[in-house]
Amino acid sequence: MKDSRQYKLFQLANVILLLLVVFITLFPFLSIVARSFSGEAEINAGEVFLWPVGFNLETYKVVFSDSHFWNSYKNTVLYTTVGTAINIFMTTIFAYAISKKRLVGRNFFIMLAVFTMFFSGGLIPNYLLITSLGFANSIWAIVLPTAISIFNLLVMKSFFESLPEELEESASIDGANTYITLLRIILPLSKPVLATMILFYAVENWNSWFPAFLYFDQQDLFPVSIYLRNLIKGASDTMAAGAAEASNMQQVSSNIKAVTMVLSVLPILLVYPYLQKYFVKGVMLGSVKQ
């Protein structure tokens, strides 16, 4: 059956609309990349759009030689790795437990978790709690308060509930307890939702800056997001000092923010293609309620 003319026009309109959305989405990032490789004079003259003008790598050389940037980068990698590992562990065991209808008090634990989505203790009580526990100026102030995202918890719970109960019954007959069933049967079948959760949590931890801003007062503990914030606000003189030693200072002063932005989002862009194939499947399976 041939497609009607109206349907072809509808498809064409969809393609044009989606291309427009893609362009609007990618334009800011492509513009930042182009500015990072362009010269200061061309940027100030408004000549840079989606392609570098006055190509130069001087700014990248200055950023690569800045020890504060790499220390912040190392901190961000550490916080993201440890934080994501804690996120996945805590979310998985909590979601698996409340996905079992035989759990005593199951509805209470679910309601308790959902309650925290809408109500919190507030900024001051949280600050007093973290500092009284001695977590200030330590990695635990960053990774423990956000150990579980309730939205991700509910997605994983729905995913576990969608798995056939006969699998666990068969494992139980073969002598497997709850922990062996979770590790050897449930988790290997949960790769799509686990990959999706890793991506969600990793991006969240990578971009996080407010807890570090609130609980850290030592510069060597700052993540790269705080480094960028200070750079954008002009509060950091670190890069200016590095630029003063550069041979071509004028070229590095205008596009240095673009370079640091590109370098800070690069790891997430490199990881995403490896997890993308699980992304849609993981979210959709977790959203289906049978």
C-alpha atoms as a PDB file:
ATOM      1  CA  MET A   1       0.000   0.000   0.000  1.00  0.00           C
ATOM      2  CA  LYS A   2       1.440   3.336  -1.085  1.00  0.00           C
ATOM      3  CA  ASP A   3       1.646   6.182   1.375  1.00  0.00           C
ATOM      4  CA  SER A   4      -0.814   8.989   0.717  1.00  0.00           C
ATOM      5  CA  ARG A   5       0.358  12.475  -0.169  1.00  0.00           C
ATOM      6  CA  GLN A   6      -0.871  13.809   3.178  1.00  0.00           C
ATOM      7  CA  TYR A   7       1.148  11.153   5.037  1.00  0.00           C
ATOM      8  CA  LYS A   8       4.303  11.998   3.068  1.00  0.00           C
ATOM      9  CA  LEU A   9       3.812  15.692   3.898  1.00  0.00           C
ATOM     10  CA  PHE A  10       3.343  14.734   7.541  1.00  0.00           C
ATOM     11  CA  GLN A  11       6.601  12.748   7.505  1.00  0.00           C
ATOM     12  CA  LEU A  12       8.434  15.627   5.828  1.00  0.00           C
ATOM     13  CA  ALA A  13       7.153  18.051   8.446  1.00  0.00           C
ATOM     14  CA  ASN A  14       8.289  15.663  11.189  1.00  0.00           C
ATOM     15  CA  VAL A  15      11.781  15.422   9.700  1.00  0.00           C
ATOM     16  CA  ILE A  16      12.090  19.213   9.400  1.00  0.00           C
ATOM     17  CA  LEU A  17      10.834  19.708  12.950  1.00  0.00           C
ATOM     18  CA  LEU A  18      13.238  17.109  14.375  1.00  0.00           C
ATOM     19  CA  LEU A  19      16.181  18.579  12.463  1.00  0.00           C
ATOM     20  CA  LEU A  20      15.279  21.983  13.883  1.00  0.00           C
ATOM     21  CA  VAL A  21      15.166  20.549  17.414  1.00  0.00           C
ATOM     22  CA  VAL A  22      18.534  18.833  16.870  1.00  0.00           C
ATOM     23  CA  PHE A  23      20.095  22.066  15.642  1.00  0.00           C
ATOM     24  CA  ILE A  24      18.709  24.087  18.579  1.00  0.00           C
ATOM     25  CA  THR A  25      19.979  21.419  20.982  1.00  0.00           C
ATOM     26  CA  LEU A  26      23.460  21.137  19.509  1.00  0.00           C
ATOM     27  CA  PHE A  27      24.021  24.787  18.646  1.00  0.00           C
ATOM     28  CA  PRO A  28      25.207  25.950  22.116  1.00  0.00           C
ATOM     29  CA  PHE A  29      27.721  23.119  22.429  1.00  0.00           C
ATOM     30  CA  LEU A  30      29.025  23.439  18.868  1.00  0.00           C
ATOM     31  CA  SER A  31      29.379  27.171  19.351  1.00  0.00           C
ATOM     32  CA  ILE A  32      31.414  26.624  22.542  1.00  0.00           C
ATOM     33  CA  VAL A  33      33.670  24.116  20.750  1.00  0.00           C
ATOM     34  CA  ALA A  34      34.204  26.559  17.872  1.00  0.00           C
ATOM     35  CA  ARG A  35      35.061  29.383  20.290  1.00  0.00           C
ATOM     36  CA  SER A  36      37.554  27.191  22.134  1.00  0.00           C
ATOM     37  CA  PHE A  37      39.586  26.800  18.908  1.00  0.00           C
ATOM     38  CA  SER A  38      39.194  30.419  17.725  1.00  0.00           C
ATOM     39  CA  GLY A  39      41.265  33.541  18.264  1.00  0.00           C
ATOM     40  CA  GLU A  40      40.262  36.298  20.634  1.00  0.00           C
ATOM     41  CA  ALA A  41      39.974  38.975  17.960  1.00  0.00           C
ATOM     42  CA  GLU A  42      37.618  36.841  15.864  1.00  0.00           C
ATOM     43  CA  ILE A  43      35.468  36.021  18.920  1.00  0.00           C
ATOM     44  CA  ASN A  44      35.198  39.666  19.961  1.00  0.00           C
ATOM     45  CA  ALA A  45      34.350  40.624  16.365  1.00  0.00           C
ATOM     46  CA  GLY A  46      31.441  38.146  16.375  1.00  0.00           C
ATOM     47  CA  GLU A  47      32.873  36.117  13.499  1.00  0.00           C
ATOM     48  CA  VAL A  48      32.652  32.729  15.246  1.00  0.00           C
ATOM     49  CA  PHE A  49      29.426  30.770  14.654  1.00  0.00           C
ATOM     50  CA  LEU A  50      29.740  27.006  14.235  1.00  0.00           C
ATOM     51  CA  TRP A  51      33.266  26.798  12.878  1.00  0.00           C
ATOM     52  CA  PRO A  52      36.587  28.013  14.381  1.00  0.00           C
ATOM     53  CA  VAL A  53      37.959  31.265  12.962  1.00  0.00           C
ATOM     54  CA  GLY A  54      41.569  32.248  13.539  1.00  0.00           C
ATOM     55  CA  PHE A  55      42.428  28.718  14.631  1.00  0.00           C
ATOM     56  CA  ASN A  56      44.691  28.512  17.700  1.00  0.00           C
ATOM     57  CA  LEU A  57      45.567  25.996  20.414  1.00  0.00           C
ATOM     58  CA  GLU A  58      47.224  28.443  22.776  1.00  0.00           C
ATOM     59  CA  THR A  59      44.363  28.316  25.282  1.00  0.00           C
ATOM     60  CA  TYR A  60      44.442  24.520  25.451  1.00  0.00           C
ATOM     61  CA  LYS A  61      48.178  24.686  26.185  1.00  0.00           C
ATOM     62  CA  VAL A  62      47.548  27.088  29.080  1.00  0.00           C
ATOM     63  CA  VAL A  63      44.720  24.973  30.528  1.00  0.00           C
ATOM     64  CA  PHE A  64      46.769  21.785  30.236  1.00  0.00           C
ATOM     65  CA  SER A  65      49.596  23.451  32.184  1.00  0.00           C
ATOM     66  CA  ASP A  66      47.323  24.649  35.003  1.00  0.00           C
ATOM     67  CA  SER A  67      47.709  22.387  38.061  1.00  0.00           C
ATOM     68  CA  HIS A  68      44.536  23.674  39.764  1.00  0.00           C
ATOM     69  CA  PHE A  69      42.394  22.619  36.801  1.00  0.00           C
ATOM     70  CA  TRP A  70      43.792  19.071  36.790  1.00  0.00           C
ATOM     71  CA  ASN A  71      43.453  18.791  40.564  1.00  0.00           C
ATOM     72  CA  SER A  72      39.791  19.791  40.238  1.00  0.00           C
ATOM     73  CA  TYR A  73      39.425  17.340  37.379  1.00  0.00           C
ATOM     74  CA  LYS A  74      40.898  14.539  39.511  1.00  0.00           C
ATOM     75  CA  ASN A  75      38.521  15.406  42.362  1.00  0.00           C
ATOM     76  CA  THR A  76      35.525  15.279  40.030  1.00  0.00           C
ATOM     77  CA  VAL A  77      36.535  11.861  38.696  1.00  0.00           C
ATOM     78  CA  LEU A  78      36.951  10.585  42.269  1.00  0.00           C
ATOM     79  CA  TYR A  79      33.617  12.012  43.473  1.00  0.00           C
ATOM     80  CA  THR A  80      31.797  10.685  40.403  1.00  0.00           C
ATOM     81  CA  THR A  81      33.287   7.184  40.645  1.00  0.00           C
ATOM     82  CA  VAL A  82      32.752   6.718  44.378  1.00  0.00           C
ATOM     83  CA  GLY A  83      29.384   8.475  44.347  1.00  0.00           C
ATOM     84  CA  THR A  84      28.017   6.441  41.440  1.00  0.00           C
ATOM     85  CA  ALA A  85      29.174   3.168  43.032  1.00  0.00           C
ATOM     86  CA  ILE A  86      27.359   4.077  46.271  1.00  0.00           C
ATOM     87  CA  ASN A  87      24.295   5.225  44.309  1.00  0.00           C
ATOM     88  CA  ILE A  88      24.026   1.963  42.383  1.00  0.00           C
ATOM     89  CA  PHE A  89      24.592  -0.227  45.452  1.00  0.00           C
ATOM     90  CA  MET A  90      22.084   1.579  47.668  1.00  0.00           C
ATOM     91  CA  THR A  91      19.441   1.989  44.960  1.00  0.00           C
ATOM     92  CA  THR A  92      19.685  -1.647  43.863  1.00  0.00           C
ATOM     93  CA  ILE A  93      19.326  -3.248  47.292  1.00  0.00           C
ATOM     94  CA  PHE A  94      16.524  -0.864  48.305  1.00  0.00           C
ATOM     95  CA  ALA A  95      14.613  -1.289  45.035  1.00  0.00           C
ATOM     96  CA  TYR A  96      14.985  -5.078  45.094  1.00  0.00           C
ATOM     97  CA  ALA A  97      13.712  -5.270  48.671  1.00  0.00           C
ATOM     98  CA  ILE A  98      10.597  -3.129  48.128  1.00  0.00           C
ATOM     99  CA  SER A  99       9.816  -4.923  44.861  1.00  0.00           C
ATOM    100  CA  LYS A 100       8.954  -8.056  46.887  1.00  0.00           C
ATOM    101  CA  LYS A 101       5.334  -8.215  47.962  1.00  0.00           C
ATOM    102  CA  ARG A 102       6.269 -10.549  50.793  1.00  0.00           C
ATOM    103  CA  LEU A 103       8.358  -7.832  52.491  1.00  0.00           C
ATOM    104  CA  VAL A 104       6.784  -6.879  55.827  1.00  0.00           C
ATOM    105  CA  GLY A 105       6.050  -3.140  55.877  1.00  0.00           C
ATOM    106  CA  ARG A 106       6.648  -2.802  52.110  1.00  0.00           C
ATOM    107  CA  ASN A 107       4.046  -0.086  51.622  1.00  0.00           C
ATOM    108  CA  PHE A 108       5.429   1.876  54.569  1.00  0.00           C
ATOM    109  CA  PHE A 109       8.968   1.891  53.120  1.00  0.00           C
ATOM    110  CA  ILE A 110       7.662   2.926  49.697  1.00  0.00           C
ATOM    111  CA  MET A 111       5.604   5.772  51.177  1.00  0.00           C
ATOM    112  CA  LEU A 112       8.564   6.827  53.325  1.00  0.00           C
ATOM    113  CA  ALA A 113      10.774   7.028  50.228  1.00  0.00           C
ATOM    114  CA  VAL A 114       8.162   8.890  48.173  1.00  0.00           C
ATOM    115  CA  PHE A 115       7.608  11.331  51.060  1.00  0.00           C
ATOM    116  CA  THR A 116      11.195  12.522  50.744  1.00  0.00           C
ATOM    117  CA  MET A 117      10.561  13.457  47.091  1.00  0.00           C
ATOM    118  CA  PHE A 118       8.249  16.256  48.200  1.00  0.00           C
ATOM    119  CA  PHE A 119       9.521  17.205  51.647  1.00  0.00           C
ATOM    120  CA  SER A 120      13.023  17.715  52.999  1.00  0.00           C
ATOM    121  CA  GLY A 121      14.586  19.026  56.162  1.00  0.00           C
ATOM    122  CA  GLY A 122      15.790  22.189  54.476  1.00  0.00           C
ATOM    123  CA  LEU A 123      19.185  23.688  53.792  1.00  0.00           C
ATOM    124  CA  ILE A 124      20.137  24.751  57.326  1.00  0.00           C
ATOM    125  CA  PRO A 125      19.240  21.438  59.043  1.00  0.00           C
ATOM    126  CA  ASN A 126      21.099  19.530  56.330  1.00  0.00           C
ATOM    127  CA  TYR A 127      24.160  21.737  56.768  1.00  0.00           C
ATOM    128  CA  LEU A 128      24.101  21.300  60.559  1.00  0.00           C
ATOM    129  CA  LEU A 129      23.691  17.531  60.184  1.00  0.00           C
ATOM    130  CA  ILE A 130      26.593  17.142  57.750  1.00  0.00           C
ATOM    131  CA  THR A 131      28.944  19.318  59.776  1.00  0.00           C
ATOM    132  CA  SER A 132      27.984  17.669  63.080  1.00  0.00           C
ATOM    133  CA  LEU A 133      28.783  14.279  61.562  1.00  0.00           C
ATOM    134  CA  GLY A 134      32.247  15.551  60.673  1.00  0.00           C
ATOM    135  CA  PHE A 135      31.707  15.200  56.917  1.00  0.00           C
ATOM    136  CA  ALA A 136      32.655  18.794  56.041  1.00  0.00           C
ATOM    137  CA  ASN A 137      35.742  19.005  53.812  1.00  0.00           C
ATOM    138  CA  SER A 138      35.487  15.291  53.010  1.00  0.00           C
ATOM    139  CA  ILE A 139      34.152  13.258  50.102  1.00  0.00           C
ATOM    140  CA  TRP A 140      31.311  11.910  52.276  1.00  0.00           C
ATOM    141  CA  ALA A 141      29.635  15.311  52.322  1.00  0.00           C
ATOM    142  CA  ILE A 142      29.280  14.947  48.552  1.00  0.00           C
ATOM    143  CA  VAL A 143      28.360  11.292  48.023  1.00  0.00           C
ATOM    144  CA  LEU A 144      26.318  10.198  51.080  1.00  0.00           C
ATOM    145  CA  PRO A 145      23.457  12.765  51.225  1.00  0.00           C
ATOM    146  CA  THR A 146      22.541  11.928  47.602  1.00  0.00           C
ATOM    147  CA  ALA A 147      23.040   8.173  47.880  1.00  0.00           C
ATOM    148  CA  ILE A 148      19.540   7.364  46.587  1.00  0.00           C
ATOM    149  CA  SER A 149      17.470   9.205  43.999  1.00  0.00           C
ATOM    150  CA  ILE A 150      13.825   8.325  44.626  1.00  0.00           C
ATOM    151  CA  PHE A 151      12.924   8.664  40.949  1.00  0.00           C
ATOM    152  CA  ASN A 152      15.655   6.175  39.994  1.00  0.00           C
ATOM    153  CA  LEU A 153      14.606   3.956  42.894  1.00  0.00           C
ATOM    154  CA  LEU A 154      11.031   3.739  41.595  1.00  0.00           C
ATOM    155  CA  VAL A 155      12.265   2.986  38.060  1.00  0.00           C
ATOM    156  CA  MET A 156      14.425   0.097  39.324  1.00  0.00           C
ATOM    157  CA  LYS A 157      11.602  -1.184  41.547  1.00  0.00           C
ATOM    158  CA  SER A 158       9.268  -1.336  38.546  1.00  0.00           C
ATOM    159  CA  PHE A 159      11.948  -3.138  36.547  1.00  0.00           C
ATOM    160  CA  PHE A 160      12.478  -5.784  39.230  1.00  0.00           C
ATOM    161  CA  GLU A 161       8.706  -6.261  39.533  1.00  0.00           C
ATOM    162  CA  SER A 162       8.513  -6.928  35.785  1.00  0.00           C
ATOM    163  CA  LEU A 163      10.848  -9.947  36.037  1.00  0.00           C
ATOM    164  CA  PRO A 164       9.067 -13.349  36.209  1.00  0.00           C
ATOM    165  CA  GLU A 165       8.687 -14.653  39.748  1.00  0.00           C
ATOM    166  CA  GLU A 166       9.288 -18.180  38.425  1.00  0.00           C
ATOM    167  CA  LEU A 167      12.981 -17.339  38.049  1.00  0.00           C
ATOM    168  CA  GLU A 168      13.379 -16.794  41.768  1.00  0.00           C
ATOM    169  CA  GLU A 169      11.209 -19.805  42.585  1.00  0.00           C
ATOM    170  CA  SER A 170      13.471 -22.017  40.452  1.00  0.00           C
ATOM    171  CA  ALA A 171      16.567 -20.602  42.121  1.00  0.00           C
ATOM    172  CA  SER A 172      15.039 -21.178  45.541  1.00  0.00           C
ATOM    173  CA  ILE A 173      14.312 -24.822  44.690  1.00  0.00           C
ATOM    174  CA  ASP A 174      17.986 -25.187  43.690  1.00  0.00           C
ATOM    175  CA  GLY A 175      19.025 -23.886  47.119  1.00  0.00           C
ATOM    176  CA  ALA A 176      19.861 -20.253  46.315  1.00  0.00           C
ATOM    177  CA  ASN A 177      19.168 -17.728  49.050  1.00  0.00           C
ATOM    178  CA  THR A 178      18.103 -14.117  48.491  1.00  0.00           C
ATOM    179  CA  TYR A 179      21.632 -12.746  48.045  1.00  0.00           C
ATOM    180  CA  ILE A 180      22.706 -15.428  45.553  1.00  0.00           C
ATOM    181  CA  THR A 181      19.472 -14.955  43.615  1.00  0.00           C
ATOM    182  CA  LEU A 182      20.075 -11.211  43.408  1.00  0.00           C
ATOM    183  CA  LEU A 183      23.749 -11.484  42.420  1.00  0.00           C
ATOM    184  CA  ARG A 184      23.630 -14.433  40.008  1.00  0.00           C
ATOM    185  CA  ILE A 185      20.155 -14.200  38.465  1.00  0.00           C
ATOM    186  CA  ILE A 186      18.527 -10.796  38.905  1.00  0.00           C
ATOM    187  CA  LEU A 187      21.487  -8.486  38.297  1.00  0.00           C
ATOM    188  CA  PRO A 188      22.711 -10.238  35.098  1.00  0.00           C
ATOM    189  CA  LEU A 189      19.186  -9.784  33.712  1.00  0.00           C
ATOM    190  CA  SER A 190      19.140  -6.119  34.762  1.00  0.00           C
ATOM    191  CA  LYS A 191      21.964  -4.771  32.587  1.00  0.00           C
ATOM    192  CA  PRO A 192      19.726  -2.266  30.696  1.00  0.00           C
ATOM    193  CA  VAL A 193      18.334  -0.612  33.811  1.00  0.00           C
ATOM    194  CA  LEU A 194      21.715  -0.749  35.592  1.00  0.00           C
ATOM    195  CA  ALA A 195      23.428   0.939  32.638  1.00  0.00           C
ATOM    196  CA  THR A 196      20.704   3.590  32.594  1.00  0.00           C
ATOM    197  CA  MET A 197      21.067   4.213  36.316  1.00  0.00           C
ATOM    198  CA  ILE A 198      24.856   4.467  35.982  1.00  0.00           C
ATOM    199  CA  LEU A 199      24.413   7.099  33.276  1.00  0.00           C
ATOM    200  CA  PHE A 200      21.823   9.060  35.305  1.00  0.00           C
ATOM    201  CA  TYR A 201      23.897   9.037  38.483  1.00  0.00           C
ATOM    202  CA  ALA A 202      27.244   9.651  36.747  1.00  0.00           C
ATOM    203  CA  VAL A 203      25.940  12.735  34.929  1.00  0.00           C
ATOM    204  CA  GLU A 204      24.343  14.029  38.124  1.00  0.00           C
ATOM    205  CA  ASN A 205      27.526  13.524  40.152  1.00  0.00           C
ATOM    206  CA  TRP A 206      29.725  14.990  37.427  1.00  0.00           C
ATOM    207  CA  ASN A 207      27.675  18.181  37.175  1.00  0.00           C
ATOM    208  CA  SER A 208      27.071  18.544  40.911  1.00  0.00           C
ATOM    209  CA  TRP A 209      28.561  21.705  42.430  1.00  0.00           C
ATOM    210  CA  PHE A 210      26.303  23.015  45.231  1.00  0.00           C
ATOM    211  CA  PRO A 211      27.273  20.457  47.964  1.00  0.00           C
ATOM    212  CA  ALA A 212      30.953  21.169  47.290  1.00  0.00           C
ATOM    213  CA  PHE A 213      30.269  24.910  47.349  1.00  0.00           C
ATOM    214  CA  LEU A 214      28.428  24.509  50.664  1.00  0.00           C
ATOM    215  CA  TYR A 215      30.658  22.097  52.567  1.00  0.00           C
ATOM    216  CA  PHE A 216      34.171  22.692  51.161  1.00  0.00           C
ATOM    217  CA  ASP A 217      36.364  25.644  52.073  1.00  0.00           C
ATOM    218  CA  GLN A 218      39.646  24.208  50.803  1.00  0.00           C
ATOM    219  CA  GLN A 219      40.508  24.894  47.171  1.00  0.00           C
ATOM    220  CA  ASP A 220      42.331  21.601  46.668  1.00  0.00           C
ATOM    221  CA  LEU A 221      39.043  19.747  47.325  1.00  0.00           C
ATOM    222  CA  PHE A 222      36.981  21.630  44.746  1.00  0.00           C
ATOM    223  CA  PRO A 223      35.504  19.671  41.804  1.00  0.00           C
ATOM    224  CA  VAL A 224      35.857  21.036  38.293  1.00  0.00           C
ATOM    225  CA  SER A 225      32.305  22.428  38.414  1.00  0.00           C
ATOM    226  CA  ILE A 226      33.355  24.823  41.221  1.00  0.00           C
ATOM    227  CA  TYR A 227      36.507  25.662  39.273  1.00  0.00           C
ATOM    228  CA  LEU A 228      34.329  26.589  36.275  1.00  0.00           C
ATOM    229  CA  ARG A 229      31.912  28.544  38.423  1.00  0.00           C
ATOM    230  CA  ASN A 230      34.714  30.608  39.907  1.00  0.00           C
ATOM    231  CA  LEU A 231      36.209  31.090  36.472  1.00  0.00           C
ATOM    232  CA  ILE A 232      32.932  32.288  34.973  1.00  0.00           C
ATOM    233  CA  LYS A 233      32.290  34.643  37.877  1.00  0.00           C
ATOM    234  CA  GLY A 234      35.830  35.954  37.676  1.00  0.00           C
ATOM    235  CA  ALA A 235      36.507  34.896  41.256  1.00  0.00           C
ATOM    236  CA  SER A 236      39.507  32.753  40.369  1.00  0.00           C
ATOM    237  CA  ASP A 237      42.805  34.359  39.523  1.00  0.00           C
ATOM    238  CA  THR A 238      44.499  31.036  38.965  1.00  0.00           C
ATOM    239  CA  MET A 239      44.112  31.019  35.230  1.00  0.00           C
ATOM    240  CA  ALA A 240      45.019  34.678  34.918  1.00  0.00           C
ATOM    241  CA  ALA A 241      48.315  33.917  36.634  1.00  0.00           C
ATOM    242  CA  GLY A 242      48.907  31.052  34.220  1.00  0.00           C
ATOM    243  CA  ALA A 243      47.995  33.200  31.277  1.00  0.00           C
ATOM    244  CA  ALA A 244      50.445  35.890  32.337  1.00  0.00           C
ATOM    245  CA  GLU A 245      53.238  33.413  31.757  1.00  0.00           C
ATOM    246  CA  ALA A 246      51.996  32.470  28.333  1.00  0.00           C
ATOM    247  CA  SER A 247      53.677  33.805  25.261  1.00  0.00           C
ATOM    248  CA  ASN A 248      50.464  35.075  23.700  1.00  0.00           C
ATOM    249  CA  MET A 249      48.329  36.303  26.541  1.00  0.00           C
ATOM    250  CA  GLN A 250      45.726  38.100  24.457  1.00  0.00           C
ATOM    251  CA  GLN A 251      44.767  34.944  22.624  1.00  0.00           C
ATOM    252  CA  VAL A 252      44.086  32.946  25.782  1.00  0.00           C
ATOM    253  CA  SER A 253      42.108  35.507  27.767  1.00  0.00           C
ATOM    254  CA  SER A 254      38.852  35.429  25.779  1.00  0.00           C
ATOM    255  CA  ASN A 255      38.152  31.769  24.992  1.00  0.00           C
ATOM    256  CA  ILE A 256      39.528  30.149  28.135  1.00  0.00           C
ATOM    257  CA  LYS A 257      36.034  29.553  29.532  1.00  0.00           C
ATOM    258  CA  ALA A 258      35.053  27.739  26.350  1.00  0.00           C
ATOM    259  CA  VAL A 259      38.099  25.478  26.592  1.00  0.00           C
ATOM    260  CA  THR A 260      37.426  24.496  30.209  1.00  0.00           C
ATOM    261  CA  MET A 261      33.750  23.832  29.404  1.00  0.00           C
ATOM    262  CA  VAL A 262      34.700  21.543  26.519  1.00  0.00           C
ATOM    263  CA  LEU A 263      37.223  19.632  28.628  1.00  0.00           C
ATOM    264  CA  SER A 264      34.802  19.234  31.537  1.00  0.00           C
ATOM    265  CA  VAL A 265      31.960  17.708  29.487  1.00  0.00           C
ATOM    266  CA  LEU A 266      34.233  15.537  27.343  1.00  0.00           C
ATOM    267  CA  PRO A 267      34.275  12.439  29.633  1.00  0.00           C
ATOM    268  CA  ILE A 268      30.473  12.245  29.753  1.00  0.00           C
ATOM    269  CA  LEU A 269      30.291  12.567  25.957  1.00  0.00           C
ATOM    270  CA  LEU A 270      32.785   9.716  25.594  1.00  0.00           C
ATOM    271  CA  VAL A 271      30.919   7.424  28.007  1.00  0.00           C
ATOM    272  CA  TYR A 272      27.421   8.060  26.643  1.00  0.00           C
ATOM    273  CA  PRO A 273      27.767   6.131  23.320  1.00  0.00           C
ATOM    274  CA  TYR A 274      28.707   2.952  25.218  1.00  0.00           C
ATOM    275  CA  LEU A 275      25.593   3.182  27.432  1.00  0.00           C
ATOM    276  CA  GLN A 276      23.193   4.579  24.850  1.00  0.00           C
ATOM    277  CA  LYS A 277      22.180   1.152  23.526  1.00  0.00           C
ATOM    278  CA  TYR A 278      20.820   0.282  26.999  1.00  0.00           C
ATOM    279  CA  PHE A 279      19.320   3.697  27.675  1.00  0.00           C
ATOM    280  CA  VAL A 280      15.878   3.543  26.003  1.00  0.00           C
ATOM    281  CA  LYS A 281      15.361  -0.129  26.822  1.00  0.00           C
ATOM    282  CA  GLY A 282      16.220   0.373  30.500  1.00  0.00           C
ATOM    283  CA  VAL A 283      13.924   3.333  31.005  1.00  0.00           C
ATOM    284  CA  MET A 284      11.008   1.795  29.096  1.00  0.00           C
ATOM    285  CA  LEU A 285      11.202  -1.547  30.887  1.00  0.00           C
ATOM    286  CA  GLY A 286      11.262   0.220  34.218  1.00  0.00           C
ATOM    287  CA  SER A 287       8.260   2.332  33.323  1.00  0.00           C
ATOM    288  CA  VAL A 288       5.957  -0.537  32.350  1.00  0.00           C
ATOM    289  CA  LYS A 289       3.631  -1.723  35.075  1.00  0.00           C
ATOM    290  CA  GLN A 290       2.028  -5.109  34.562  1.00  0.00           C
END
